[in-house]
Amino acid sequence: MQSPSTEAAHAVGGGSLQRSACTDTQAHQLARLVRQHYDAELGKAGLRTTQYWLLAEVLAHGPVRPCDLAEAMSLSPSTLTRNLKPLVSTGLLELGPGIDGRTRSVRITASGRRKCDEGLPHWTAAQARVHRLIGSRNVSALHALIEECLSSMSAGQ
């Protein structure tokens, strides 16, 4: 019987694919490690990375329709709804009527603005730490590569 790691290394079509060659796995591992640094730092302000990002986006774009916010953040509507719930229930964001009565609008509250301000130095610290760990040259190269990949993959859809 093969070990789970050996079984995981087998590829489709009888070939062999190493785990390290799987783009999805590699991208996920890097994203997870980066997110852990941001979550640890933003946790000091009582926020998760996604919550801080959502507050900052609503502050920048709000009041905004949920569908427009989801699009701006490249989130599915269901993911946005799931991420909005705790911020609405704690009073950091509010969901109210939109401009035409048929739509809804997401607004940041005064306490949401304060929480966003509280989170900013923690986000800045996490950003600096991740950049130190990766190295500034690698960060620049990574950002350029990610932009290029996003553009190529979006065009290929």
Protein backbone atom coordinates (compact mmCIF):
# COMPACT_ATOMS: atom_id res chain seq x y z
CA MET A 1 0.00 0.00 0.00
CA GLN A 2 1.26 3.46 -0.90
CA SER A 3 1.61 6.22 1.64
CA PRO A 4 -0.82 9.16 1.38
CA SER A 5 2.02 11.41 0.17
CA THR A 6 2.96 8.91 -2.54
CA GLU A 7 -0.67 8.61 -3.61
CA ALA A 8 -0.95 12.40 -3.70
CA ALA A 9 2.06 12.60 -6.00
CA HIS A 10 0.41 10.50 -8.72
CA ALA A 11 -1.02 12.52 -11.55
CA VAL A 12 -3.92 12.21 -13.92
CA GLY A 13 -3.30 10.06 -16.96
CA GLY A 14 -0.72 7.78 -15.40
CA GLY A 15 2.03 10.42 -15.21
CA SER A 16 3.63 11.67 -12.05
CA LEU A 17 3.16 15.12 -10.61
CA GLN A 18 5.02 16.23 -7.53
CA ARG A 19 3.03 18.14 -4.93
CA SER A 20 5.45 21.04 -5.30
CA ALA A 21 4.54 21.27 -8.99
CA CYS A 22 0.84 21.80 -8.29
CA THR A 23 0.20 25.50 -8.86
CA ASP A 24 -3.00 25.46 -6.80
CA THR A 25 -1.23 23.88 -3.82
CA GLN A 26 1.73 26.26 -4.01
CA ALA A 27 -0.48 29.35 -4.33
CA HIS A 28 -2.71 28.16 -1.49
CA GLN A 29 0.25 27.48 0.82
CA LEU A 30 1.75 30.91 0.22
CA ALA A 31 -1.61 32.64 0.65
CA ARG A 32 -2.25 30.71 3.88
CA LEU A 33 1.13 31.68 5.36
CA VAL A 34 0.74 35.32 4.39
CA ARG A 35 -2.82 35.38 5.77
CA GLN A 36 -1.62 33.92 9.09
CA HIS A 37 0.74 36.89 9.57
CA TYR A 38 -2.00 39.40 8.79
CA ASP A 39 -4.59 37.59 10.94
CA ALA A 40 -2.19 37.39 13.91
CA GLU A 41 -1.47 41.11 13.76
CA LEU A 42 -5.02 42.27 13.00
CA GLY A 43 -6.27 39.96 15.75
CA LYS A 44 -4.76 42.45 18.20
CA ALA A 45 -7.48 44.86 17.02
CA GLY A 46 -10.15 42.15 17.20
CA LEU A 47 -10.32 41.70 13.43
CA ARG A 48 -9.57 39.06 10.85
CA THR A 49 -7.90 40.07 7.60
CA THR A 50 -11.12 39.65 5.62
CA GLN A 51 -13.01 41.83 8.12
CA TYR A 52 -10.44 44.61 7.96
CA TRP A 53 -10.41 44.43 4.15
CA LEU A 54 -14.21 44.62 4.06
CA LEU A 55 -14.32 47.61 6.43
CA ALA A 56 -11.65 49.42 4.39
CA GLU A 57 -13.50 48.72 1.12
CA VAL A 58 -16.83 49.98 2.45
CA LEU A 59 -15.07 53.04 3.87
CA ALA A 60 -13.51 53.72 0.46
CA HIS A 61 -16.57 52.93 -1.70
CA GLY A 62 -19.58 53.23 0.60
CA PRO A 63 -22.38 53.50 0.78
CA VAL A 64 -22.34 50.76 -1.81
CA ARG A 65 -24.70 48.11 -3.12
CA PRO A 66 -23.66 44.62 -2.00
CA CYS A 67 -23.43 43.39 -5.61
CA ASP A 68 -21.06 46.26 -6.49
CA LEU A 69 -18.99 45.61 -3.36
CA ALA A 70 -18.73 41.89 -4.17
CA GLU A 71 -17.57 42.74 -7.68
CA ALA A 72 -15.01 45.31 -6.46
CA MET A 73 -13.62 42.74 -4.02
CA SER A 74 -13.78 39.81 -6.48
CA LEU A 75 -16.03 37.87 -4.10
CA SER A 76 -19.10 35.83 -4.81
CA PRO A 77 -22.31 37.38 -3.45
CA SER A 78 -22.71 34.49 -0.99
CA THR A 79 -19.15 34.93 0.33
CA LEU A 80 -19.75 38.66 0.75
CA THR A 81 -23.02 38.02 2.59
CA ARG A 82 -21.30 35.54 4.92
CA ASN A 83 -18.49 38.03 5.63
CA LEU A 84 -20.87 40.95 6.17
CA LYS A 85 -22.98 39.21 8.84
CA PRO A 86 -20.57 39.48 11.81
CA LEU A 87 -19.68 43.08 10.96
CA VAL A 88 -23.35 44.05 10.73
CA SER A 89 -24.22 42.18 13.94
CA THR A 90 -21.44 43.95 15.86
CA GLY A 91 -22.52 47.35 14.52
CA LEU A 92 -19.41 48.05 12.45
CA LEU A 93 -21.39 48.04 9.20
CA GLU A 94 -25.07 48.54 8.51
CA LEU A 95 -27.21 47.25 5.71
CA GLY A 96 -29.97 49.64 4.71
CA PRO A 97 -32.14 50.63 1.80
CA GLY A 98 -30.48 51.59 -1.46
CA ILE A 99 -31.18 54.61 -3.61
CA ASP A 100 -34.21 53.20 -5.41
CA GLY A 101 -36.00 51.22 -2.71
CA ARG A 102 -35.43 47.93 -4.54
CA THR A 103 -31.76 47.62 -3.63
CA ARG A 104 -29.79 47.54 -0.41
CA SER A 105 -26.76 49.53 0.58
CA VAL A 106 -23.81 48.76 2.87
CA ARG A 107 -22.58 51.65 5.02
CA ILE A 108 -19.81 51.88 7.57
CA THR A 109 -20.84 53.11 11.01
CA ALA A 110 -18.92 55.47 13.29
CA SER A 111 -17.72 52.46 15.32
CA GLY A 112 -16.73 50.78 12.05
CA ARG A 113 -14.61 53.82 11.15
CA ARG A 114 -12.94 53.69 14.56
CA LYS A 115 -12.28 49.95 14.20
CA CYS A 116 -10.82 50.51 10.74
CA ASP A 117 -8.56 53.25 12.18
CA GLU A 118 -7.58 50.89 15.01
CA GLY A 119 -6.73 48.15 12.52
CA LEU A 120 -4.59 50.29 10.22
CA PRO A 121 -1.36 50.23 12.28
CA HIS A 122 -1.75 46.45 12.69
CA TRP A 123 -2.25 45.99 8.95
CA THR A 124 0.82 48.18 8.36
CA ALA A 125 2.87 46.09 10.81
CA ALA A 126 1.74 42.84 9.17
CA GLN A 127 2.56 44.24 5.73
CA ALA A 128 6.05 45.28 6.88
CA ARG A 129 6.71 41.90 8.50
CA VAL A 130 5.63 39.93 5.44
CA HIS A 131 7.76 42.17 3.24
CA ARG A 132 10.77 41.64 5.54
CA LEU A 133 10.28 37.87 5.49
CA ILE A 134 9.88 37.65 1.72
CA GLY A 135 12.36 40.38 0.85
CA SER A 136 11.53 43.63 -0.93
CA ARG A 137 12.91 42.46 -4.29
CA ASN A 138 10.82 39.28 -4.09
CA VAL A 139 7.72 41.26 -3.06
CA SER A 140 8.08 43.49 -6.13
CA ALA A 141 8.62 40.48 -8.37
CA LEU A 142 5.71 38.62 -6.75
CA HIS A 143 3.33 41.57 -7.21
CA ALA A 144 4.33 41.94 -10.86
CA LEU A 145 3.94 38.21 -11.47
CA ILE A 146 0.55 38.10 -9.74
CA GLU A 147 -0.70 41.05 -11.82
CA GLU A 148 0.51 39.39 -15.01
CA CYS A 149 -1.09 36.06 -14.05
CA LEU A 150 -4.39 37.72 -13.09
CA SER A 151 -4.46 39.53 -16.41
CA SER A 152 -3.60 36.41 -18.42
CA MET A 153 -6.07 34.20 -16.59
CA SER A 154 -8.88 36.79 -16.76
CA ALA A 155 -8.35 37.16 -20.50
CA GLY A 156 -8.42 33.38 -20.93
CA GLN A 157 -11.80 32.85 -19.27
